Amino acid sequence: MPRANEAVFTIGEAAVKLDLHEQTLRNWERAGVIRLKRFGGNRARIFSGSDISHCRWIKRFAGRGISLKGLKTLIKMNNIKSGGAQ
């Protein structure tokens, strides 16, 4: 959960910051590689700074050919917190 003074980003803003398509982030969430908080009546996804950092980590390894299933395993092995998992 973002801290009170921490910036939050919409999925569109996060996609721009990460140089990814919004659908990629949705796919990562569906695959369980990232877990995001939802906000408001429309349940919009919100990304904290730590979520952005986590997505950069995923992007780096996904770019090396590691599958989403493999990334999920790496996250579990390294006990890396993914977004809203705290």
PDB file of N, CA and C in Angstrom:
ATOM      1  N   MET A   1       0.848  -1.183   0.000  1.00  0.00           N
ATOM      2  CA  MET A   1       0.000   0.000   0.000  1.00  0.00           C
ATOM      3  C   MET A   1       0.886   1.236   0.000  1.00  0.00           C
ATOM      4  N   PRO A   2       0.611   2.188  -0.878  1.00  0.00           N
ATOM      5  CA  PRO A   2       1.409   3.412  -0.905  1.00  0.00           C
ATOM      6  C   PRO A   2       1.288   4.185   0.407  1.00  0.00           C
ATOM      7  N   ARG A   3       2.385   4.796   0.802  1.00  0.00           N
ATOM      8  CA  ARG A   3       2.368   5.636   1.995  1.00  0.00           C
ATOM      9  C   ARG A   3       1.602   6.920   1.684  1.00  0.00           C
ATOM     10  N   ALA A   4       1.191   7.627   2.723  1.00  0.00           N
ATOM     11  CA  ALA A   4       0.369   8.827   2.559  1.00  0.00           C
ATOM     12  C   ALA A   4       1.033   9.864   1.660  1.00  0.00           C
ATOM     13  N   ASN A   5       2.346  10.007   1.741  1.00  0.00           N
ATOM     14  CA  ASN A   5       3.036  11.028   0.951  1.00  0.00           C
ATOM     15  C   ASN A   5       3.708  10.461  -0.300  1.00  0.00           C
ATOM     16  N   GLU A   6       3.452   9.192  -0.605  1.00  0.00           N
ATOM     17  CA  GLU A   6       4.074   8.549  -1.761  1.00  0.00           C
ATOM     18  C   GLU A   6       3.202   8.755  -3.002  1.00  0.00           C
ATOM     19  N   ALA A   7       3.860   9.026  -4.113  1.00  0.00           N
ATOM     20  CA  ALA A   7       3.144   9.199  -5.374  1.00  0.00           C
ATOM     21  C   ALA A   7       2.528   7.884  -5.813  1.00  0.00           C
ATOM     22  N   VAL A   8       1.369   7.978  -6.435  1.00  0.00           N
ATOM     23  CA  VAL A   8       0.736   6.806  -7.029  1.00  0.00           C
ATOM     24  C   VAL A   8       0.493   7.105  -8.502  1.00  0.00           C
ATOM     25  N   PHE A   9       0.433   6.037  -9.273  1.00  0.00           N
ATOM     26  CA  PHE A   9       0.311   6.177 -10.718  1.00  0.00           C
ATOM     27  C   PHE A   9      -0.823   5.299 -11.228  1.00  0.00           C
ATOM     28  N   THR A  10      -1.508   5.774 -12.260  1.00  0.00           N
ATOM     29  CA  THR A  10      -2.516   4.957 -12.933  1.00  0.00           C
ATOM     30  C   THR A  10      -1.781   3.942 -13.806  1.00  0.00           C
ATOM     31  N   ILE A  11      -2.517   3.006 -14.359  1.00  0.00           N
ATOM     32  CA  ILE A  11      -1.893   2.009 -15.221  1.00  0.00           C
ATOM     33  C   ILE A  11      -1.286   2.670 -16.468  1.00  0.00           C
ATOM     34  N   GLY A  12      -1.941   3.701 -16.985  1.00  0.00           N
ATOM     35  CA  GLY A  12      -1.406   4.412 -18.142  1.00  0.00           C
ATOM     36  C   GLY A  12      -0.098   5.120 -17.819  1.00  0.00           C
ATOM     37  N   GLU A  13      -0.063   5.784 -16.667  1.00  0.00           N
ATOM     38  CA  GLU A  13       1.161   6.482 -16.246  1.00  0.00           C
ATOM     39  C   GLU A  13       2.285   5.486 -15.975  1.00  0.00           C
ATOM     40  N   ALA A  14       1.945   4.367 -15.337  1.00  0.00           N
ATOM     41  CA  ALA A  14       2.952   3.339 -15.060  1.00  0.00           C
ATOM     42  C   ALA A  14       3.494   2.764 -16.358  1.00  0.00           C
ATOM     43  N   ALA A  15       2.621   2.517 -17.323  1.00  0.00           N
ATOM     44  CA  ALA A  15       3.050   1.971 -18.607  1.00  0.00           C
ATOM     45  C   ALA A  15       4.039   2.911 -19.297  1.00  0.00           C
ATOM     46  N   VAL A  16       3.769   4.206 -19.243  1.00  0.00           N
ATOM     47  CA  VAL A  16       4.677   5.189 -19.853  1.00  0.00           C
ATOM     48  C   VAL A  16       6.019   5.182 -19.121  1.00  0.00           C
ATOM     49  N   LYS A  17       5.990   5.212 -17.783  1.00  0.00           N
ATOM     50  CA  LYS A  17       7.233   5.207 -17.001  1.00  0.00           C
ATOM     51  C   LYS A  17       8.071   3.967 -17.278  1.00  0.00           C
ATOM     52  N   LEU A  18       7.399   2.838 -17.534  1.00  0.00           N
ATOM     53  CA  LEU A  18       8.097   1.571 -17.728  1.00  0.00           C
ATOM     54  C   LEU A  18       8.373   1.255 -19.200  1.00  0.00           C
ATOM     55  N   ASP A  19       7.865   2.092 -20.095  1.00  0.00           N
ATOM     56  CA  ASP A  19       7.976   1.854 -21.541  1.00  0.00           C
ATOM     57  C   ASP A  19       7.397   0.482 -21.898  1.00  0.00           C
ATOM     58  N   LEU A  20       6.194   0.238 -21.387  1.00  0.00           N
ATOM     59  CA  LEU A  20       5.466  -1.000 -21.643  1.00  0.00           C
ATOM     60  C   LEU A  20       4.049  -0.655 -22.077  1.00  0.00           C
ATOM     61  N   HIS A  21       3.369  -1.620 -22.648  1.00  0.00           N
ATOM     62  CA  HIS A  21       1.960  -1.439 -22.985  1.00  0.00           C
ATOM     63  C   HIS A  21       1.128  -1.737 -21.735  1.00  0.00           C
ATOM     64  N   GLU A  22       0.013  -1.042 -21.587  1.00  0.00           N
ATOM     65  CA  GLU A  22      -0.871  -1.273 -20.450  1.00  0.00           C
ATOM     66  C   GLU A  22      -1.291  -2.741 -20.359  1.00  0.00           C
ATOM     67  N   GLN A  23      -1.523  -3.375 -21.501  1.00  0.00           N
ATOM     68  CA  GLN A  23      -1.962  -4.765 -21.507  1.00  0.00           C
ATOM     69  C   GLN A  23      -0.899  -5.688 -20.913  1.00  0.00           C
ATOM     70  N   THR A  24       0.366  -5.342 -21.082  1.00  0.00           N
ATOM     71  CA  THR A  24       1.444  -6.138 -20.486  1.00  0.00           C
ATOM     72  C   THR A  24       1.307  -6.139 -18.968  1.00  0.00           C
ATOM     73  N   LEU A  25       1.035  -4.982 -18.402  1.00  0.00           N
ATOM     74  CA  LEU A  25       0.865  -4.883 -16.949  1.00  0.00           C
ATOM     75  C   LEU A  25      -0.363  -5.655 -16.489  1.00  0.00           C
ATOM     76  N   ARG A  26      -1.431  -5.595 -17.273  1.00  0.00           N
ATOM     77  CA  ARG A  26      -2.632  -6.377 -16.932  1.00  0.00           C
ATOM     78  C   ARG A  26      -2.332  -7.877 -16.981  1.00  0.00           C
ATOM     79  N   ASN A  27      -1.577  -8.296 -17.995  1.00  0.00           N
ATOM     80  CA  ASN A  27      -1.195  -9.715 -18.114  1.00  0.00           C
ATOM     81  C   ASN A  27      -0.357 -10.156 -16.925  1.00  0.00           C
ATOM     82  N   TRP A  28       0.575  -9.318 -16.503  1.00  0.00           N
ATOM     83  CA  TRP A  28       1.416  -9.645 -15.347  1.00  0.00           C
ATOM     84  C   TRP A  28       0.553  -9.803 -14.096  1.00  0.00           C
ATOM     85  N   GLU A  29      -0.437  -8.922 -13.943  1.00  0.00           N
ATOM     86  CA  GLU A  29      -1.315  -9.019 -12.783  1.00  0.00           C
ATOM     87  C   GLU A  29      -2.146 -10.308 -12.848  1.00  0.00           C
ATOM     88  N   ARG A  30      -2.693 -10.600 -14.027  1.00  0.00           N
ATOM     89  CA  ARG A  30      -3.489 -11.825 -14.198  1.00  0.00           C
ATOM     90  C   ARG A  30      -2.663 -13.077 -13.916  1.00  0.00           C
ATOM     91  N   ALA A  31      -1.385 -13.047 -14.301  1.00  0.00           N
ATOM     92  CA  ALA A  31      -0.495 -14.192 -14.095  1.00  0.00           C
ATOM     93  C   ALA A  31      -0.030 -14.299 -12.643  1.00  0.00           C
ATOM     94  N   GLY A  32      -0.296 -13.269 -11.831  1.00  0.00           N
ATOM     95  CA  GLY A  32       0.087 -13.299 -10.426  1.00  0.00           C
ATOM     96  C   GLY A  32       1.516 -12.856 -10.156  1.00  0.00           C
ATOM     97  N   VAL A  33       2.147 -12.247 -11.157  1.00  0.00           N
ATOM     98  CA  VAL A  33       3.527 -11.768 -10.996  1.00  0.00           C
ATOM     99  C   VAL A  33       3.549 -10.433 -10.254  1.00  0.00           C
ATOM    100  N   ILE A  34       2.505  -9.630 -10.434  1.00  0.00           N
ATOM    101  CA  ILE A  34       2.348  -8.400  -9.654  1.00  0.00           C
ATOM    102  C   ILE A  34       0.954  -8.431  -9.019  1.00  0.00           C
ATOM    103  N   ARG A  35       0.857  -7.815  -7.869  1.00  0.00           N
ATOM    104  CA  ARG A  35      -0.429  -7.658  -7.180  1.00  0.00           C
ATOM    105  C   ARG A  35      -0.579  -6.191  -6.850  1.00  0.00           C
ATOM    106  N   LEU A  36      -1.653  -5.611  -7.336  1.00  0.00           N
ATOM    107  CA  LEU A  36      -1.849  -4.177  -7.193  1.00  0.00           C
ATOM    108  C   LEU A  36      -3.048  -3.872  -6.321  1.00  0.00           C
ATOM    109  N   LYS A  37      -2.994  -2.717  -5.714  1.00  0.00           N
ATOM    110  CA  LYS A  37      -4.140  -2.212  -4.967  1.00  0.00           C
ATOM    111  C   LYS A  37      -5.130  -1.643  -5.973  1.00  0.00           C
ATOM    112  N   ARG A  38      -6.394  -1.681  -5.614  1.00  0.00           N
ATOM    113  CA  ARG A  38      -7.458  -1.108  -6.435  1.00  0.00           C
ATOM    114  C   ARG A  38      -8.051   0.081  -5.698  1.00  0.00           C
ATOM    115  N   PHE A  39      -8.562   1.038  -6.460  1.00  0.00           N
ATOM    116  CA  PHE A  39      -9.043   2.272  -5.859  1.00  0.00           C
ATOM    117  C   PHE A  39     -10.360   2.696  -6.500  1.00  0.00           C
ATOM    118  N   GLY A  40     -11.259   3.200  -5.695  1.00  0.00           N
ATOM    119  CA  GLY A  40     -12.486   3.809  -6.175  1.00  0.00           C
ATOM    120  C   GLY A  40     -13.530   2.814  -6.635  1.00  0.00           C
ATOM    121  N   GLY A  41     -14.649   3.383  -7.069  1.00  0.00           N
ATOM    122  CA  GLY A  41     -15.778   2.583  -7.512  1.00  0.00           C
ATOM    123  C   GLY A  41     -15.484   1.753  -8.750  1.00  0.00           C
ATOM    124  N   ASN A  42     -14.600   2.249  -9.607  1.00  0.00           N
ATOM    125  CA  ASN A  42     -14.275   1.503 -10.822  1.00  0.00           C
ATOM    126  C   ASN A  42     -13.118   0.524 -10.610  1.00  0.00           C
ATOM    127  N   ARG A  43     -12.627   0.464  -9.367  1.00  0.00           N
ATOM    128  CA  ARG A  43     -11.552  -0.481  -9.000  1.00  0.00           C
ATOM    129  C   ARG A  43     -10.297  -0.292  -9.855  1.00  0.00           C
ATOM    130  N   ALA A  44      -9.957   0.950 -10.139  1.00  0.00           N
ATOM    131  CA  ALA A  44      -8.782   1.260 -10.950  1.00  0.00           C
ATOM    132  C   ALA A  44      -7.516   0.788 -10.247  1.00  0.00           C
ATOM    133  N   ARG A  45      -6.594   0.258 -11.017  1.00  0.00           N
ATOM    134  CA  ARG A  45      -5.307  -0.176 -10.470  1.00  0.00           C
ATOM    135  C   ARG A  45      -4.471   1.045 -10.115  1.00  0.00           C
ATOM    136  N   ILE A  46      -3.779   0.977  -8.976  1.00  0.00           N
ATOM    137  CA  ILE A  46      -2.838   2.039  -8.640  1.00  0.00           C
ATOM    138  C   ILE A  46      -1.463   1.422  -8.409  1.00  0.00           C
ATOM    139  N   PHE A  47      -0.461   2.106  -8.890  1.00  0.00           N
ATOM    140  CA  PHE A  47       0.925   1.674  -8.778  1.00  0.00           C
ATOM    141  C   PHE A  47       1.659   2.630  -7.850  1.00  0.00           C
ATOM    142  N   SER A  48       2.345   2.080  -6.859  1.00  0.00           N
ATOM    143  CA  SER A  48       3.204   2.890  -5.983  1.00  0.00           C
ATOM    144  C   SER A  48       4.606   2.898  -6.592  1.00  0.00           C
ATOM    145  N   GLY A  49       5.488   3.669  -5.976  1.00  0.00           N
ATOM    146  CA  GLY A  49       6.882   3.674  -6.420  1.00  0.00           C
ATOM    147  C   GLY A  49       7.512   2.295  -6.317  1.00  0.00           C
ATOM    148  N   SER A  50       7.177   1.558  -5.262  1.00  0.00           N
ATOM    149  CA  SER A  50       7.742   0.212  -5.119  1.00  0.00           C
ATOM    150  C   SER A  50       7.162  -0.742  -6.158  1.00  0.00           C
ATOM    151  N   ASP A  51       5.904  -0.537  -6.555  1.00  0.00           N
ATOM    152  CA  ASP A  51       5.326  -1.340  -7.637  1.00  0.00           C
ATOM    153  C   ASP A  51       6.076  -1.095  -8.948  1.00  0.00           C
ATOM    154  N   ILE A  52       6.405   0.168  -9.203  1.00  0.00           N
ATOM    155  CA  ILE A  52       7.154   0.520 -10.416  1.00  0.00           C
ATOM    156  C   ILE A  52       8.523  -0.161 -10.389  1.00  0.00           C
ATOM    157  N   SER A  53       9.203  -0.108  -9.251  1.00  0.00           N
ATOM    158  CA  SER A  53      10.514  -0.771  -9.124  1.00  0.00           C
ATOM    159  C   SER A  53      10.395  -2.269  -9.352  1.00  0.00           C
ATOM    160  N   HIS A  54       9.365  -2.878  -8.786  1.00  0.00           N
ATOM    161  CA  HIS A  54       9.139  -4.318  -8.961  1.00  0.00           C
ATOM    162  C   HIS A  54       8.898  -4.639 -10.440  1.00  0.00           C
ATOM    163  N   CYS A  55       8.123  -3.793 -11.116  1.00  0.00           N
ATOM    164  CA  CYS A  55       7.860  -4.007 -12.546  1.00  0.00           C
ATOM    165  C   CYS A  55       9.127  -3.864 -13.376  1.00  0.00           C
ATOM    166  N   ARG A  56      10.011  -2.956 -12.982  1.00  0.00           N
ATOM    167  CA  ARG A  56      11.304  -2.833 -13.694  1.00  0.00           C
ATOM    168  C   ARG A  56      12.114  -4.117 -13.548  1.00  0.00           C
ATOM    169  N   TRP A  57      12.084  -4.698 -12.362  1.00  0.00           N
ATOM    170  CA  TRP A  57      12.785  -5.970 -12.114  1.00  0.00           C
ATOM    171  C   TRP A  57      12.207  -7.058 -13.022  1.00  0.00           C
ATOM    172  N   ILE A  58      10.883  -7.148 -13.084  1.00  0.00           N
ATOM    173  CA  ILE A  58      10.225  -8.141 -13.932  1.00  0.00           C
ATOM    174  C   ILE A  58      10.581  -7.911 -15.397  1.00  0.00           C
ATOM    175  N   LYS A  59      10.527  -6.660 -15.824  1.00  0.00           N
ATOM    176  CA  LYS A  59      10.830  -6.324 -17.221  1.00  0.00           C
ATOM    177  C   LYS A  59      12.240  -6.760 -17.587  1.00  0.00           C
ATOM    178  N   ARG A  60      13.177  -6.550 -16.678  1.00  0.00           N
ATOM    179  CA  ARG A  60      14.575  -6.916 -16.948  1.00  0.00           C
ATOM    180  C   ARG A  60      14.695  -8.425 -17.191  1.00  0.00           C
ATOM    181  N   PHE A  61      14.070  -9.224 -16.346  1.00  0.00           N
ATOM    182  CA  PHE A  61      14.176 -10.671 -16.489  1.00  0.00           C
ATOM    183  C   PHE A  61      13.307 -11.200 -17.617  1.00  0.00           C
ATOM    184  N   ALA A  62      12.124 -10.614 -17.813  1.00  0.00           N
ATOM    185  CA  ALA A  62      11.261 -11.035 -18.924  1.00  0.00           C
ATOM    186  C   ALA A  62      11.965 -10.760 -20.253  1.00  0.00           C
ATOM    187  N   GLY A  63      12.728  -9.673 -20.306  1.00  0.00           N
ATOM    188  CA  GLY A  63      13.483  -9.335 -21.506  1.00  0.00           C
ATOM    189  C   GLY A  63      14.609 -10.316 -21.802  1.00  0.00           C
ATOM    190  N   ARG A  64      14.964 -11.112 -20.817  1.00  0.00           N
ATOM    191  CA  ARG A  64      16.014 -12.127 -20.990  1.00  0.00           C
ATOM    192  C   ARG A  64      15.414 -13.488 -21.321  1.00  0.00           C
ATOM    193  N   GLY A  65      14.119 -13.503 -21.552  1.00  0.00           N
ATOM    194  CA  GLY A  65      13.470 -14.725 -21.995  1.00  0.00           C
ATOM    195  C   GLY A  65      12.877 -15.586 -20.902  1.00  0.00           C
ATOM    196  N   ILE A  66      12.824 -15.092 -19.675  1.00  0.00           N
ATOM    197  CA  ILE A  66      12.233 -15.871 -18.592  1.00  0.00           C
ATOM    198  C   ILE A  66      10.712 -15.724 -18.663  1.00  0.00           C
ATOM    199  N   SER A  67      10.005 -16.845 -18.631  1.00  0.00           N
ATOM    200  CA  SER A  67       8.549 -16.833 -18.729  1.00  0.00           C
ATOM    201  C   SER A  67       7.925 -16.244 -17.464  1.00  0.00           C
ATOM    202  N   LEU A  68       6.645 -15.912 -17.557  1.00  0.00           N
ATOM    203  CA  LEU A  68       5.932 -15.409 -16.382  1.00  0.00           C
ATOM    204  C   LEU A  68       5.893 -16.459 -15.280  1.00  0.00           C
ATOM    205  N   LYS A  69       5.731 -17.719 -15.655  1.00  0.00           N
ATOM    206  CA  LYS A  69       5.744 -18.798 -14.664  1.00  0.00           C
ATOM    207  C   LYS A  69       7.110 -18.859 -13.977  1.00  0.00           C
ATOM    208  N   GLY A  70       8.172 -18.714 -14.764  1.00  0.00           N
ATOM    209  CA  GLY A  70       9.521 -18.699 -14.209  1.00  0.00           C
ATOM    210  C   GLY A  70       9.747 -17.503 -13.298  1.00  0.00           C
ATOM    211  N   LEU A  71       9.228 -16.346 -13.702  1.00  0.00           N
ATOM    212  CA  LEU A  71       9.353 -15.144 -12.871  1.00  0.00           C
ATOM    213  C   LEU A  71       8.627 -15.323 -11.545  1.00  0.00           C
ATOM    214  N   LYS A  72       7.449 -15.927 -11.607  1.00  0.00           N
ATOM    215  CA  LYS A  72       6.684 -16.158 -10.385  1.00  0.00           C
ATOM    216  C   LYS A  72       7.477 -17.059  -9.430  1.00  0.00           C
ATOM    217  N   THR A  73       8.126 -18.064  -9.978  1.00  0.00           N
ATOM    218  CA  THR A  73       8.958 -18.958  -9.172  1.00  0.00           C
ATOM    219  C   THR A  73      10.129 -18.207  -8.567  1.00  0.00           C
ATOM    220  N   LEU A  74      10.795 -17.369  -9.371  1.00  0.00           N
ATOM    221  CA  LEU A  74      11.920 -16.567  -8.867  1.00  0.00           C
ATOM    222  C   LEU A  74      11.479 -15.654  -7.728  1.00  0.00           C
ATOM    223  N   ILE A  75      10.324 -15.046  -7.891  1.00  0.00           N
ATOM    224  CA  ILE A  75       9.806 -14.149  -6.855  1.00  0.00           C
ATOM    225  C   ILE A  75       9.590 -14.921  -5.559  1.00  0.00           C
ATOM    226  N   LYS A  76       8.981 -16.105  -5.662  1.00  0.00           N
ATOM    227  CA  LYS A  76       8.747 -16.917  -4.466  1.00  0.00           C
ATOM    228  C   LYS A  76      10.058 -17.364  -3.835  1.00  0.00           C
ATOM    229  N   MET A  77      11.011 -17.790  -4.665  1.00  0.00           N
ATOM    230  CA  MET A  77      12.299 -18.256  -4.152  1.00  0.00           C
ATOM    231  C   MET A  77      13.052 -17.161  -3.436  1.00  0.00           C
ATOM    232  N   ASN A  78      12.951 -15.964  -3.952  1.00  0.00           N
ATOM    233  CA  ASN A  78      13.696 -14.840  -3.373  1.00  0.00           C
ATOM    234  C   ASN A  78      12.864 -14.043  -2.391  1.00  0.00           C
ATOM    235  N   ASN A  79      11.620 -14.510  -2.149  1.00  0.00           N
ATOM    236  CA  ASN A  79      10.730 -13.846  -1.209  1.00  0.00           C
ATOM    237  C   ASN A  79      10.605 -12.363  -1.500  1.00  0.00           C
ATOM    238  N   ILE A  80      10.471 -12.044  -2.788  1.00  0.00           N
ATOM    239  CA  ILE A  80      10.330 -10.667  -3.211  1.00  0.00           C
ATOM    240  C   ILE A  80       8.863 -10.289  -3.106  1.00  0.00           C
ATOM    241  N   LYS A  81       8.589  -9.182  -2.459  1.00  0.00           N
ATOM    242  CA  LYS A  81       7.216  -8.716  -2.319  1.00  0.00           C
ATOM    243  C   LYS A  81       6.766  -8.117  -3.647  1.00  0.00           C
ATOM    244  N   SER A  82       5.591  -8.504  -4.066  1.00  0.00           N
ATOM    245  CA  SER A  82       5.063  -7.976  -5.320  1.00  0.00           C
ATOM    246  C   SER A  82       3.876  -7.075  -5.045  1.00  0.00           C
ATOM    247  N   GLY A  83       4.146  -5.793  -5.060  1.00  0.00           N
ATOM    248  CA  GLY A  83       3.078  -4.810  -4.940  1.00  0.00           C
ATOM    249  C   GLY A  83       2.283  -4.950  -3.664  1.00  0.00           C
ATOM    250  N   GLY A  84       0.995  -5.212  -3.808  1.00  0.00           N
ATOM    251  CA  GLY A  84       0.071  -5.245  -2.689  1.00  0.00           C
ATOM    252  C   GLY A  84       0.199  -6.469  -1.813  1.00  0.00           C
ATOM    253  N   ALA A  85       1.262  -7.224  -1.921  1.00  0.00           N
ATOM    254  CA  ALA A  85       1.398  -8.478  -1.187  1.00  0.00           C
ATOM    255  C   ALA A  85       1.760  -8.308   0.281  1.00  0.00           C
ATOM    256  N   GLN A  86       2.071  -7.103   0.728  1.00  0.00           N
ATOM    257  CA  GLN A  86       2.507  -6.921   2.104  1.00  0.00           C
ATOM    258  C   GLN A  86       1.460  -7.302   3.090  1.00  0.00           C
TER     259      GLN A  86
END
